[in-house]
Amino acid sequence: MPAVTIRNLSDETHRALKVRAAGHGRSTEAEMRDILEAAVRPADRVRIGSALSALSRSAGLTNADFEVLEQGGDKMPAEPLSFE
């Protein structure tokens, strides 16, 4: 797993991190990991699977609609293109 070094962190910021970590019952390093994780992966980010599911629900699609698509297709694999 990658390691990160943070240089030139002020004493006040380091102290505040230690206090915040103690308040959450974890190490300063664990607190910094949590802060970084929350900053780059916010809880309200759009998740593609959830977005597609909501879109199909709003369009009124059901599992039966997708089953029809699966039944109607050709089961033979596609032939690769030939450029000769």
Protein backbone atom coordinates (compact mmCIF):
# COMPACT_ATOMS: atom_id res chain seq x y z
CA MET A 1 0.00 0.00 0.00
CA PRO A 2 1.36 3.47 -0.81
CA ALA A 3 2.72 5.69 1.94
CA VAL A 4 2.44 9.47 1.99
CA THR A 5 4.68 11.96 3.78
CA ILE A 6 3.30 15.40 4.60
CA ARG A 7 6.02 17.99 4.99
CA ASN A 8 5.82 21.46 6.53
CA LEU A 9 2.69 20.76 8.57
CA SER A 10 2.37 23.44 11.21
CA ASP A 11 2.56 22.50 14.88
CA GLU A 12 -0.93 23.91 15.40
CA THR A 13 -2.39 21.71 12.65
CA HIS A 14 -0.61 18.64 13.98
CA ARG A 15 -1.89 19.34 17.48
CA ALA A 16 -5.42 19.84 16.16
CA LEU A 17 -5.20 16.52 14.29
CA LYS A 18 -4.08 14.76 17.47
CA VAL A 19 -6.97 16.26 19.46
CA ARG A 20 -9.46 15.38 16.72
CA ALA A 21 -8.12 11.82 16.53
CA ALA A 22 -8.36 11.40 20.30
CA GLY A 23 -11.95 12.61 20.14
CA HIS A 24 -12.71 9.88 17.62
CA GLY A 25 -10.76 7.26 19.58
CA ARG A 26 -8.14 6.56 16.91
CA SER A 27 -4.55 7.34 16.06
CA THR A 28 -3.47 10.54 14.35
CA GLU A 29 -2.52 8.52 11.29
CA ALA A 30 -5.95 6.86 11.16
CA GLU A 31 -7.57 10.28 11.52
CA MET A 32 -5.57 11.64 8.59
CA ARG A 33 -6.56 8.62 6.47
CA ASP A 34 -10.20 9.24 7.30
CA ILE A 35 -9.95 12.94 6.43
CA LEU A 36 -8.25 12.20 3.10
CA GLU A 37 -10.75 9.45 2.26
CA ALA A 38 -13.70 11.75 2.96
CA ALA A 39 -12.15 14.52 0.86
CA VAL A 40 -11.56 12.45 -2.26
CA ARG A 41 -14.51 10.05 -1.98
CA PRO A 42 -17.44 12.09 -0.65
CA ALA A 43 -20.53 10.18 0.49
CA ASP A 44 -22.78 12.13 -1.88
CA ARG A 45 -20.82 11.19 -5.02
CA VAL A 46 -22.76 9.77 -7.95
CA ARG A 47 -22.51 6.00 -8.14
CA ILE A 48 -23.03 4.82 -11.71
CA GLY A 49 -24.92 1.64 -10.81
CA SER A 50 -27.35 3.50 -8.57
CA ALA A 51 -27.81 6.22 -11.18
CA LEU A 52 -28.60 3.69 -13.92
CA SER A 53 -30.99 1.82 -11.64
CA ALA A 54 -32.84 5.03 -10.78
CA LEU A 55 -33.00 5.97 -14.46
CA SER A 56 -34.55 2.63 -15.45
CA ARG A 57 -37.05 2.85 -12.57
CA SER A 58 -38.08 6.36 -13.61
CA ALA A 59 -38.54 5.08 -17.19
CA GLY A 60 -40.81 2.33 -15.85
CA LEU A 61 -38.55 -0.57 -16.83
CA THR A 62 -38.83 -3.87 -14.97
CA ASN A 63 -36.83 -7.09 -14.90
CA ALA A 64 -39.32 -8.54 -17.40
CA ASP A 65 -38.25 -5.92 -19.95
CA PHE A 66 -34.65 -7.04 -19.70
CA GLU A 67 -35.57 -10.74 -19.81
CA VAL A 68 -37.26 -10.13 -23.19
CA LEU A 69 -34.06 -8.58 -24.50
CA GLU A 70 -32.04 -11.59 -23.36
CA GLN A 71 -34.42 -14.05 -25.00
CA GLY A 72 -34.59 -12.27 -28.35
CA GLY A 73 -30.90 -12.04 -29.14
CA ASP A 74 -28.87 -14.33 -31.35
CA LYS A 75 -26.91 -16.75 -29.17
CA MET A 76 -24.12 -17.27 -31.71
CA PRO A 77 -20.94 -15.30 -31.03
CA ALA A 78 -20.21 -12.51 -33.48
CA GLU A 79 -17.77 -13.22 -36.29
CA PRO A 80 -14.66 -11.03 -36.15
CA LEU A 81 -14.26 -8.49 -38.93
CA SER A 82 -11.97 -9.40 -41.78
CA PHE A 83 -9.99 -6.66 -43.49
CA GLU A 84 -8.80 -8.81 -46.38
